[in-house]
Amino acid sequence: MKRRNTAYFLCIGLITLWSCGHTETTKTVAVSENRIVQQEDGQVSMKIEKAGLYCDQTNPSLNTADWNVVISKPGRFGVWLSSATKDTSDLKYLNSVRISLLDNRLEGKPACDKIVHNPGDASFPFYRADSYMGSVYVAEPGEYNVQVISEKVSGNQAGTPTSHQKDDTQLVSVMLTPLTR
């Protein structure tokens, strides 16, 4: 009788462990569908419309966008913030933008370091202005979370500003570009 009870509880335990592991695998696959994969040239482009968004209506400076990114070629990356703006001389970010990847946290007010002509993600009267935010080092291949905190993250943006929007500047994407030594 004691052996039968032990076998019964062992079977129940194994079934429970299997079902928990099976559920977890399903959840992981669902999350992985939204991941951003590093391109063959080493760049990673994270568009705002592909991000998970959190928007705080009472304190927009806490608005957050995040992505799961798969890095296959590790190394040092330049971090660029792309904005669609009407005025490339003043991007009108009220607060510093915070970008986190691994233990790296870059923070600063974006300035127009590069104007991109005829981009696909900004149409007249907007221009795309890219801001260099710093660099990060990724030591190993893997899947990582990238997070941006800024008042320019908006829940109602579709990636391309339109002329009827009240903001002169919106965050469009974050890019990682490999740096050569």
N, C-alpha and C. Protein backbone atom coordinates (compact mmCIF):
# COMPACT_ATOMS: atom_id res chain seq x y z
N MET A 1 0.83 -1.18 0.00
CA MET A 1 0.00 0.00 0.00
C MET A 1 0.88 1.25 0.00
N LYS A 2 1.96 1.24 0.80
CA LYS A 2 2.85 2.38 0.89
C LYS A 2 3.54 2.64 -0.45
N ARG A 3 3.95 1.55 -1.13
CA ARG A 3 4.59 1.69 -2.43
C ARG A 3 3.63 2.25 -3.47
N ARG A 4 2.41 1.81 -3.43
CA ARG A 4 1.42 2.28 -4.38
C ARG A 4 1.17 3.78 -4.18
N ASN A 5 1.07 4.24 -2.94
CA ASN A 5 0.88 5.67 -2.67
C ASN A 5 2.09 6.48 -3.13
N THR A 6 3.29 5.95 -2.90
CA THR A 6 4.50 6.64 -3.32
C THR A 6 4.53 6.78 -4.85
N ALA A 7 4.20 5.70 -5.55
CA ALA A 7 4.17 5.72 -7.02
C ALA A 7 3.10 6.70 -7.51
N TYR A 8 1.96 6.71 -6.84
CA TYR A 8 0.87 7.62 -7.22
C TYR A 8 1.31 9.07 -7.08
N PHE A 9 1.92 9.44 -5.95
CA PHE A 9 2.37 10.82 -5.74
C PHE A 9 3.51 11.19 -6.67
N LEU A 10 4.37 10.24 -6.99
CA LEU A 10 5.46 10.48 -7.92
C LEU A 10 4.91 10.79 -9.32
N CYS A 11 3.90 10.03 -9.75
CA CYS A 11 3.27 10.28 -11.06
C CYS A 11 2.60 11.65 -11.08
N ILE A 12 1.88 12.00 -10.04
CA ILE A 12 1.23 13.30 -9.96
C ILE A 12 2.28 14.41 -10.01
N GLY A 13 3.37 14.24 -9.29
CA GLY A 13 4.45 15.23 -9.29
C GLY A 13 5.06 15.41 -10.67
N LEU A 14 5.32 14.30 -11.38
CA LEU A 14 5.89 14.38 -12.72
C LEU A 14 4.93 15.05 -13.70
N ILE A 15 3.67 14.72 -13.62
CA ILE A 15 2.66 15.36 -14.49
C ILE A 15 2.59 16.85 -14.22
N THR A 16 2.63 17.24 -12.96
CA THR A 16 2.59 18.66 -12.60
C THR A 16 3.81 19.38 -13.14
N LEU A 17 4.99 18.80 -12.96
CA LEU A 17 6.21 19.41 -13.48
C LEU A 17 6.17 19.54 -14.99
N TRP A 18 5.70 18.50 -15.68
CA TRP A 18 5.62 18.55 -17.12
C TRP A 18 4.64 19.63 -17.58
N SER A 19 3.48 19.73 -16.94
CA SER A 19 2.48 20.71 -17.37
C SER A 19 2.96 22.13 -17.11
N CYS A 20 3.67 22.36 -16.02
CA CYS A 20 4.22 23.70 -15.75
C CYS A 20 5.28 24.05 -16.78
N GLY A 21 6.14 23.11 -17.09
CA GLY A 21 7.17 23.35 -18.09
C GLY A 21 6.57 23.56 -19.46
N HIS A 22 5.52 22.84 -19.80
CA HIS A 22 4.86 22.96 -21.09
C HIS A 22 4.20 24.33 -21.22
N THR A 23 3.55 24.81 -20.19
CA THR A 23 2.93 26.14 -20.20
C THR A 23 4.00 27.21 -20.37
N GLU A 24 5.11 27.09 -19.69
CA GLU A 24 6.18 28.09 -19.76
C GLU A 24 6.74 28.18 -21.17
N THR A 25 6.89 27.04 -21.86
CA THR A 25 7.39 27.04 -23.23
C THR A 25 6.45 27.80 -24.14
N THR A 26 5.16 27.61 -23.96
CA THR A 26 4.18 28.32 -24.77
C THR A 26 4.29 29.83 -24.56
N LYS A 27 4.46 30.27 -23.33
CA LYS A 27 4.60 31.69 -23.05
C LYS A 27 5.86 32.25 -23.68
N THR A 28 6.96 31.52 -23.62
CA THR A 28 8.21 31.99 -24.18
C THR A 28 8.09 32.17 -25.70
N VAL A 29 7.44 31.26 -26.38
CA VAL A 29 7.27 31.37 -27.83
C VAL A 29 6.45 32.61 -28.16
N ALA A 30 5.41 32.90 -27.40
CA ALA A 30 4.58 34.08 -27.67
C ALA A 30 5.39 35.36 -27.51
N VAL A 31 6.22 35.46 -26.50
CA VAL A 31 7.05 36.64 -26.30
C VAL A 31 8.09 36.75 -27.40
N SER A 32 8.67 35.64 -27.79
CA SER A 32 9.74 35.63 -28.78
C SER A 32 9.27 36.07 -30.16
N GLU A 33 7.98 35.98 -30.46
CA GLU A 33 7.46 36.42 -31.75
C GLU A 33 7.66 37.91 -31.95
N ASN A 34 7.70 38.70 -30.90
CA ASN A 34 7.85 40.14 -30.99
C ASN A 34 9.29 40.60 -30.86
N ARG A 35 10.22 39.72 -30.90
CA ARG A 35 11.61 40.10 -30.72
C ARG A 35 12.17 40.71 -32.00
N ILE A 36 13.18 41.53 -31.82
CA ILE A 36 13.89 42.17 -32.92
C ILE A 36 15.21 41.42 -33.09
N VAL A 37 15.51 41.01 -34.31
CA VAL A 37 16.71 40.22 -34.58
C VAL A 37 17.75 41.12 -35.24
N GLN A 38 18.98 40.98 -34.80
CA GLN A 38 20.10 41.74 -35.36
C GLN A 38 20.24 41.43 -36.84
N GLN A 39 20.46 42.48 -37.64
CA GLN A 39 20.61 42.32 -39.08
C GLN A 39 21.99 41.74 -39.41
N GLU A 40 22.14 41.28 -40.63
CA GLU A 40 23.40 40.67 -41.08
C GLU A 40 24.57 41.64 -40.96
N ASP A 41 24.32 42.95 -41.19
CA ASP A 41 25.40 43.94 -41.10
C ASP A 41 25.72 44.35 -39.66
N GLY A 42 25.02 43.75 -38.70
CA GLY A 42 25.29 44.00 -37.29
C GLY A 42 24.38 45.03 -36.65
N GLN A 43 23.59 45.75 -37.45
CA GLN A 43 22.71 46.77 -36.91
C GLN A 43 21.45 46.16 -36.30
N VAL A 44 20.88 46.90 -35.35
CA VAL A 44 19.61 46.53 -34.74
C VAL A 44 18.73 47.77 -34.79
N SER A 45 17.58 47.67 -35.44
CA SER A 45 16.66 48.80 -35.56
C SER A 45 15.37 48.47 -34.82
N MET A 46 15.07 49.26 -33.78
CA MET A 46 13.90 49.03 -32.95
C MET A 46 12.89 50.15 -33.17
N LYS A 47 11.90 49.89 -33.99
CA LYS A 47 10.87 50.89 -34.30
C LYS A 47 9.85 50.93 -33.17
N ILE A 48 9.35 52.14 -32.92
CA ILE A 48 8.42 52.35 -31.79
C ILE A 48 7.14 51.53 -31.94
N GLU A 49 6.69 51.30 -33.18
CA GLU A 49 5.45 50.54 -33.36
C GLU A 49 5.62 49.06 -33.03
N LYS A 50 6.86 48.59 -32.90
CA LYS A 50 7.13 47.20 -32.52
C LYS A 50 7.39 47.05 -31.02
N ALA A 51 7.32 48.15 -30.29
CA ALA A 51 7.66 48.14 -28.86
C ALA A 51 6.46 47.81 -27.99
N GLY A 52 6.76 47.29 -26.81
CA GLY A 52 5.77 47.22 -25.75
C GLY A 52 5.75 48.61 -25.12
N LEU A 53 4.58 49.20 -24.97
CA LEU A 53 4.48 50.58 -24.50
C LEU A 53 3.80 50.66 -23.14
N TYR A 54 4.28 51.60 -22.33
CA TYR A 54 3.61 51.98 -21.09
C TYR A 54 3.52 53.50 -21.13
N CYS A 55 2.31 54.02 -21.04
CA CYS A 55 2.12 55.47 -21.08
C CYS A 55 1.40 55.94 -19.82
N ASP A 56 1.99 56.93 -19.17
CA ASP A 56 1.45 57.51 -17.95
C ASP A 56 0.88 58.88 -18.29
N GLN A 57 -0.44 59.00 -18.29
CA GLN A 57 -1.09 60.26 -18.68
C GLN A 57 -0.80 61.39 -17.70
N THR A 58 -0.61 61.07 -16.42
CA THR A 58 -0.36 62.12 -15.43
C THR A 58 1.09 62.56 -15.40
N ASN A 59 2.03 61.68 -15.77
CA ASN A 59 3.44 62.03 -15.79
C ASN A 59 4.10 61.42 -17.03
N PRO A 60 3.96 62.08 -18.20
CA PRO A 60 4.48 61.51 -19.44
C PRO A 60 5.99 61.27 -19.45
N SER A 61 6.73 61.89 -18.53
CA SER A 61 8.18 61.67 -18.51
C SER A 61 8.51 60.24 -18.12
N LEU A 62 7.53 59.47 -17.64
CA LEU A 62 7.72 58.07 -17.28
C LEU A 62 7.28 57.11 -18.39
N ASN A 63 6.85 57.64 -19.53
CA ASN A 63 6.43 56.78 -20.64
C ASN A 63 7.59 55.89 -21.07
N THR A 64 7.27 54.64 -21.35
CA THR A 64 8.31 53.64 -21.60
C THR A 64 8.00 52.83 -22.85
N ALA A 65 9.04 52.55 -23.62
CA ALA A 65 8.97 51.61 -24.74
C ALA A 65 10.05 50.57 -24.50
N ASP A 66 9.72 49.29 -24.75
CA ASP A 66 10.77 48.28 -24.62
C ASP A 66 10.64 47.20 -25.69
N TRP A 67 11.77 46.63 -25.99
CA TRP A 67 11.89 45.61 -27.02
C TRP A 67 12.73 44.46 -26.49
N ASN A 68 12.48 43.26 -27.00
CA ASN A 68 13.36 42.11 -26.81
C ASN A 68 14.20 42.01 -28.07
N VAL A 69 15.52 42.03 -27.90
CA VAL A 69 16.45 42.09 -29.02
C VAL A 69 17.37 40.88 -28.98
N VAL A 70 17.54 40.24 -30.13
CA VAL A 70 18.45 39.10 -30.23
C VAL A 70 19.74 39.60 -30.87
N ILE A 71 20.83 39.50 -30.11
CA ILE A 71 22.16 39.90 -30.59
C ILE A 71 22.92 38.62 -30.93
N SER A 72 23.30 38.47 -32.19
CA SER A 72 24.06 37.28 -32.60
C SER A 72 25.54 37.60 -32.76
N LYS A 73 25.86 38.88 -33.01
CA LYS A 73 27.25 39.33 -33.16
C LYS A 73 27.54 40.36 -32.07
N PRO A 74 28.04 39.91 -30.93
CA PRO A 74 28.28 40.86 -29.83
C PRO A 74 29.42 41.82 -30.14
N GLY A 75 29.54 42.82 -29.29
CA GLY A 75 30.59 43.82 -29.43
C GLY A 75 30.12 45.16 -28.90
N ARG A 76 30.81 46.22 -29.29
CA ARG A 76 30.44 47.58 -28.88
C ARG A 76 29.52 48.18 -29.93
N PHE A 77 28.44 48.81 -29.46
CA PHE A 77 27.44 49.40 -30.35
C PHE A 77 27.24 50.87 -30.02
N GLY A 78 27.11 51.69 -31.06
CA GLY A 78 26.67 53.06 -30.90
C GLY A 78 25.15 53.04 -30.77
N VAL A 79 24.61 53.85 -29.88
CA VAL A 79 23.17 53.89 -29.65
C VAL A 79 22.65 55.22 -30.21
N TRP A 80 21.74 55.12 -31.16
CA TRP A 80 21.15 56.28 -31.82
C TRP A 80 19.65 56.31 -31.55
N LEU A 81 19.15 57.50 -31.28
CA LEU A 81 17.73 57.73 -31.08
C LEU A 81 17.24 58.50 -32.30
N SER A 82 16.22 57.99 -32.97
CA SER A 82 15.66 58.67 -34.14
C SER A 82 14.36 59.35 -33.75
N SER A 83 14.23 60.61 -34.16
CA SER A 83 13.03 61.39 -33.89
C SER A 83 12.48 61.92 -35.21
N ALA A 84 11.17 61.98 -35.32
CA ALA A 84 10.53 62.69 -36.42
C ALA A 84 10.21 64.07 -35.87
N THR A 85 10.70 65.12 -36.55
CA THR A 85 10.59 66.47 -36.01
C THR A 85 10.32 67.49 -37.11
N LYS A 86 9.69 68.58 -36.72
CA LYS A 86 9.49 69.70 -37.63
C LYS A 86 10.65 70.68 -37.56
N ASP A 87 11.39 70.66 -36.45
CA ASP A 87 12.47 71.62 -36.23
C ASP A 87 13.74 70.86 -35.85
N THR A 88 14.66 70.72 -36.79
CA THR A 88 15.88 69.96 -36.52
C THR A 88 16.87 70.71 -35.64
N SER A 89 16.65 72.02 -35.44
CA SER A 89 17.56 72.77 -34.58
C SER A 89 17.18 72.66 -33.10
N ASP A 90 15.93 72.27 -32.81
CA ASP A 90 15.47 72.09 -31.43
C ASP A 90 14.48 70.94 -31.41
N LEU A 91 14.91 69.80 -30.89
CA LEU A 91 14.04 68.62 -30.87
C LEU A 91 12.94 68.69 -29.82
N LYS A 92 13.04 69.65 -28.90
CA LYS A 92 11.98 69.91 -27.92
C LYS A 92 11.69 68.75 -26.97
N TYR A 93 12.74 68.03 -26.58
CA TYR A 93 12.59 67.05 -25.51
C TYR A 93 12.64 67.83 -24.19
N LEU A 94 11.61 67.74 -23.38
CA LEU A 94 11.57 68.47 -22.12
C LEU A 94 12.49 67.86 -21.08
N ASN A 95 12.59 66.54 -21.08
CA ASN A 95 13.38 65.81 -20.09
C ASN A 95 14.44 64.97 -20.79
N SER A 96 15.42 64.54 -20.03
CA SER A 96 16.42 63.61 -20.55
C SER A 96 15.76 62.30 -20.93
N VAL A 97 16.30 61.66 -21.94
CA VAL A 97 15.85 60.34 -22.37
C VAL A 97 16.78 59.32 -21.73
N ARG A 98 16.19 58.25 -21.19
CA ARG A 98 16.98 57.18 -20.58
C ARG A 98 16.85 55.92 -21.42
N ILE A 99 17.99 55.35 -21.77
CA ILE A 99 18.02 54.10 -22.54
C ILE A 99 18.80 53.08 -21.74
N SER A 100 18.20 51.90 -21.53
CA SER A 100 18.85 50.84 -20.75
C SER A 100 19.00 49.58 -21.58
N LEU A 101 20.19 48.98 -21.49
CA LEU A 101 20.49 47.69 -22.09
C LEU A 101 21.51 47.02 -21.18
N LEU A 102 21.18 45.83 -20.70
CA LEU A 102 22.01 45.13 -19.72
C LEU A 102 22.21 46.05 -18.51
N ASP A 103 23.45 46.22 -18.06
CA ASP A 103 23.73 47.11 -16.94
C ASP A 103 24.07 48.52 -17.40
N ASN A 104 23.94 48.78 -18.69
CA ASN A 104 24.25 50.10 -19.23
C ASN A 104 23.02 50.99 -19.20
N ARG A 105 23.20 52.20 -18.75
CA ARG A 105 22.11 53.17 -18.75
C ARG A 105 22.66 54.47 -19.32
N LEU A 106 22.13 54.83 -20.49
CA LEU A 106 22.52 56.07 -21.14
C LEU A 106 21.43 57.09 -20.87
N GLU A 107 21.83 58.32 -20.58
CA GLU A 107 20.85 59.35 -20.29
C GLU A 107 21.33 60.68 -20.85
N GLY A 108 20.44 61.39 -21.51
CA GLY A 108 20.79 62.69 -22.05
C GLY A 108 19.64 63.28 -22.83
N LYS A 109 19.74 64.58 -23.11
CA LYS A 109 18.75 65.26 -23.95
C LYS A 109 19.18 65.12 -25.40
N PRO A 110 18.33 64.54 -26.23
CA PRO A 110 18.70 64.34 -27.64
C PRO A 110 18.93 65.66 -28.36
N ALA A 111 19.97 65.69 -29.15
CA ALA A 111 20.28 66.82 -30.04
C ALA A 111 20.41 66.25 -31.44
N CYS A 112 20.19 67.05 -32.44
CA CYS A 112 20.25 66.59 -33.82
C CYS A 112 21.71 66.44 -34.24
N ASP A 113 22.19 65.19 -34.30
CA ASP A 113 23.55 64.91 -34.75
C ASP A 113 23.59 64.59 -36.24
N LYS A 114 22.46 64.13 -36.77
CA LYS A 114 22.41 63.74 -38.17
C LYS A 114 20.98 63.91 -38.67
N ILE A 115 20.82 64.52 -39.83
CA ILE A 115 19.51 64.63 -40.47
C ILE A 115 19.47 63.60 -41.59
N VAL A 116 18.42 62.79 -41.60
CA VAL A 116 18.27 61.75 -42.61
C VAL A 116 17.25 62.24 -43.63
N HIS A 117 17.70 62.37 -44.88
CA HIS A 117 16.82 62.85 -45.96
C HIS A 117 16.03 61.69 -46.54
N ASN A 118 14.77 61.93 -46.81
CA ASN A 118 13.86 60.97 -47.43
C ASN A 118 13.77 59.63 -46.69
N PRO A 119 13.60 59.67 -45.37
CA PRO A 119 13.43 58.39 -44.67
C PRO A 119 12.02 57.86 -44.89
N GLY A 120 11.84 56.59 -44.70
CA GLY A 120 10.52 56.01 -44.83
C GLY A 120 9.65 56.21 -43.59
N ASP A 121 10.24 56.68 -42.50
CA ASP A 121 9.50 56.77 -41.25
C ASP A 121 9.17 58.20 -40.82
N ALA A 122 9.32 59.17 -41.72
CA ALA A 122 8.91 60.55 -41.44
C ALA A 122 8.55 61.21 -42.76
N SER A 123 7.37 61.80 -42.83
CA SER A 123 6.95 62.45 -44.06
C SER A 123 6.65 63.92 -43.79
N PHE A 124 6.70 64.73 -44.83
CA PHE A 124 6.53 66.17 -44.71
C PHE A 124 5.29 66.49 -43.89
N PRO A 125 5.35 67.40 -42.96
CA PRO A 125 6.37 68.41 -42.68
C PRO A 125 7.44 67.95 -41.68
N PHE A 126 7.54 66.64 -41.46
CA PHE A 126 8.51 66.12 -40.50
C PHE A 126 9.80 65.69 -41.19
N TYR A 127 10.89 65.78 -40.45
CA TYR A 127 12.20 65.30 -40.89
C TYR A 127 12.68 64.30 -39.84
N ARG A 128 13.57 63.42 -40.24
CA ARG A 128 14.13 62.49 -39.25
C ARG A 128 15.46 63.03 -38.78
N ALA A 129 15.56 63.19 -37.46
CA ALA A 129 16.79 63.64 -36.83
C ALA A 129 17.30 62.52 -35.94
N ASP A 130 18.55 62.13 -36.14
CA ASP A 130 19.16 61.07 -35.33
C ASP A 130 20.08 61.70 -34.30
N SER A 131 19.98 61.21 -33.07
CA SER A 131 20.76 61.71 -31.94
C SER A 131 21.64 60.59 -31.41
N TYR A 132 22.94 60.86 -31.32
CA TYR A 132 23.86 59.88 -30.75
C TYR A 132 23.75 59.96 -29.24
N MET A 133 23.44 58.81 -28.60
CA MET A 133 23.21 58.79 -27.15
C MET A 133 24.37 58.18 -26.38
N GLY A 134 25.31 57.54 -27.07
CA GLY A 134 26.45 56.92 -26.39
C GLY A 134 26.69 55.54 -26.96
N SER A 135 27.42 54.72 -26.21
CA SER A 135 27.70 53.36 -26.67
C SER A 135 27.51 52.36 -25.53
N VAL A 136 27.26 51.11 -25.93
CA VAL A 136 27.11 50.02 -24.98
C VAL A 136 27.93 48.83 -25.48
N TYR A 137 28.34 47.99 -24.55
CA TYR A 137 29.08 46.79 -24.89
C TYR A 137 28.25 45.56 -24.55
N VAL A 138 28.08 44.68 -25.52
CA VAL A 138 27.40 43.41 -25.33
C VAL A 138 28.45 42.31 -25.49
N ALA A 139 28.71 41.58 -24.40
CA ALA A 139 29.81 40.62 -24.39
C ALA A 139 29.46 39.29 -25.05
N GLU A 140 28.21 38.87 -24.97
CA GLU A 140 27.84 37.54 -25.46
C GLU A 140 26.58 37.60 -26.30
N PRO A 141 26.45 36.68 -27.26
CA PRO A 141 25.20 36.59 -28.01
C PRO A 141 24.06 36.22 -27.06
N GLY A 142 22.85 36.66 -27.38
CA GLY A 142 21.70 36.32 -26.56
C GLY A 142 20.54 37.25 -26.82
N GLU A 143 19.48 37.05 -26.05
CA GLU A 143 18.29 37.90 -26.14
C GLU A 143 18.31 38.86 -24.96
N TYR A 144 18.16 40.14 -25.27
CA TYR A 144 18.26 41.19 -24.27
C TYR A 144 17.07 42.12 -24.36
N ASN A 145 16.79 42.81 -23.26
CA ASN A 145 15.73 43.80 -23.21
C ASN A 145 16.33 45.19 -23.35
N VAL A 146 15.78 46.00 -24.23
CA VAL A 146 16.16 47.40 -24.40
C VAL A 146 14.96 48.23 -23.99
N GLN A 147 15.20 49.23 -23.14
CA GLN A 147 14.12 50.07 -22.64
C GLN A 147 14.47 51.54 -22.84
N VAL A 148 13.46 52.32 -23.26
CA VAL A 148 13.59 53.76 -23.42
C VAL A 148 12.51 54.42 -22.58
N ILE A 149 12.91 55.43 -21.80
CA ILE A 149 11.97 56.19 -21.00
C ILE A 149 12.02 57.64 -21.48
N SER A 150 10.88 58.16 -21.95
CA SER A 150 10.82 59.53 -22.47
C SER A 150 9.38 59.99 -22.60
N GLU A 151 9.18 61.29 -22.46
CA GLU A 151 7.84 61.85 -22.67
C GLU A 151 7.44 61.78 -24.14
N LYS A 152 8.37 61.54 -25.04
CA LYS A 152 8.06 61.46 -26.47
C LYS A 152 7.58 60.08 -26.89
N VAL A 153 7.54 59.12 -25.96
CA VAL A 153 6.91 57.83 -26.22
C VAL A 153 5.42 58.05 -26.02
N SER A 154 4.64 57.72 -27.04
CA SER A 154 3.21 57.98 -26.97
C SER A 154 2.44 56.74 -27.38
N GLY A 155 1.38 56.45 -26.67
CA GLY A 155 0.57 55.27 -26.96
C GLY A 155 -0.25 55.40 -28.22
N ASN A 156 -0.47 56.62 -28.70
CA ASN A 156 -1.31 56.78 -29.89
C ASN A 156 -0.49 57.00 -31.15
N GLN A 157 0.82 56.86 -31.07
CA GLN A 157 1.61 57.07 -32.28
C GLN A 157 1.73 55.78 -33.06
N ALA A 158 1.73 55.91 -34.35
CA ALA A 158 1.86 54.75 -35.22
C ALA A 158 3.21 54.73 -35.89
N GLY A 159 4.15 55.51 -35.41
CA GLY A 159 5.49 55.52 -35.97
C GLY A 159 5.76 56.68 -36.89
N THR A 160 4.74 57.16 -37.60
CA THR A 160 4.92 58.29 -38.50
C THR A 160 4.02 59.42 -38.05
N PRO A 161 4.58 60.52 -37.59
CA PRO A 161 3.76 61.65 -37.19
C PRO A 161 2.98 62.21 -38.37
N THR A 162 1.83 62.77 -38.07
CA THR A 162 1.04 63.44 -39.10
C THR A 162 0.91 64.90 -38.73
N SER A 163 0.53 65.72 -39.69
CA SER A 163 0.53 67.16 -39.48
C SER A 163 -0.49 67.61 -38.44
N HIS A 164 -1.50 66.81 -38.16
CA HIS A 164 -2.49 67.23 -37.17
C HIS A 164 -2.08 66.93 -35.73
N GLN A 165 -0.96 66.26 -35.53
CA GLN A 165 -0.51 65.97 -34.17
C GLN A 165 0.05 67.23 -33.54
N LYS A 166 -0.20 67.39 -32.24
CA LYS A 166 0.22 68.60 -31.55
C LYS A 166 1.72 68.66 -31.29
N ASP A 167 2.39 67.53 -31.16
CA ASP A 167 3.83 67.53 -30.89
C ASP A 167 4.61 67.82 -32.16
N ASP A 168 5.65 68.63 -32.01
CA ASP A 168 6.55 68.89 -33.12
C ASP A 168 7.59 67.80 -33.26
N THR A 169 7.76 66.97 -32.23
CA THR A 169 8.76 65.90 -32.25
C THR A 169 8.18 64.64 -31.63
N GLN A 170 8.48 63.50 -32.26
CA GLN A 170 8.10 62.21 -31.69
C GLN A 170 9.25 61.23 -31.85
N LEU A 171 9.37 60.34 -30.89
CA LEU A 171 10.38 59.30 -30.95
C LEU A 171 9.94 58.27 -31.99
N VAL A 172 10.84 57.92 -32.91
CA VAL A 172 10.52 56.99 -33.98
C VAL A 172 11.16 55.63 -33.74
N SER A 173 12.45 55.62 -33.35
CA SER A 173 13.14 54.34 -33.17
C SER A 173 14.43 54.52 -32.38
N VAL A 174 14.97 53.39 -31.98
CA VAL A 174 16.30 53.33 -31.36
C VAL A 174 17.10 52.36 -32.22
N MET A 175 18.34 52.73 -32.52
CA MET A 175 19.18 51.88 -33.35
C MET A 175 20.50 51.59 -32.64
N LEU A 176 20.95 50.35 -32.78
CA LEU A 176 22.28 49.96 -32.33
C LEU A 176 23.11 49.74 -33.59
N THR A 177 24.24 50.42 -33.69
CA THR A 177 25.13 50.26 -34.83
C THR A 177 26.49 49.77 -34.34
N PRO A 178 27.03 48.74 -34.96
CA PRO A 178 28.32 48.22 -34.50
C PRO A 178 29.42 49.27 -34.67
N LEU A 179 30.27 49.39 -33.65
CA LEU A 179 31.40 50.30 -33.73
C LEU A 179 32.65 49.49 -34.03
N THR A 180 33.45 49.98 -34.95
CA THR A 180 34.70 49.29 -35.27
C THR A 180 35.81 49.89 -34.43
N ARG A 181 36.84 49.11 -34.19
CA ARG A 181 37.94 49.57 -33.34
C ARG A 181 38.93 50.37 -34.12
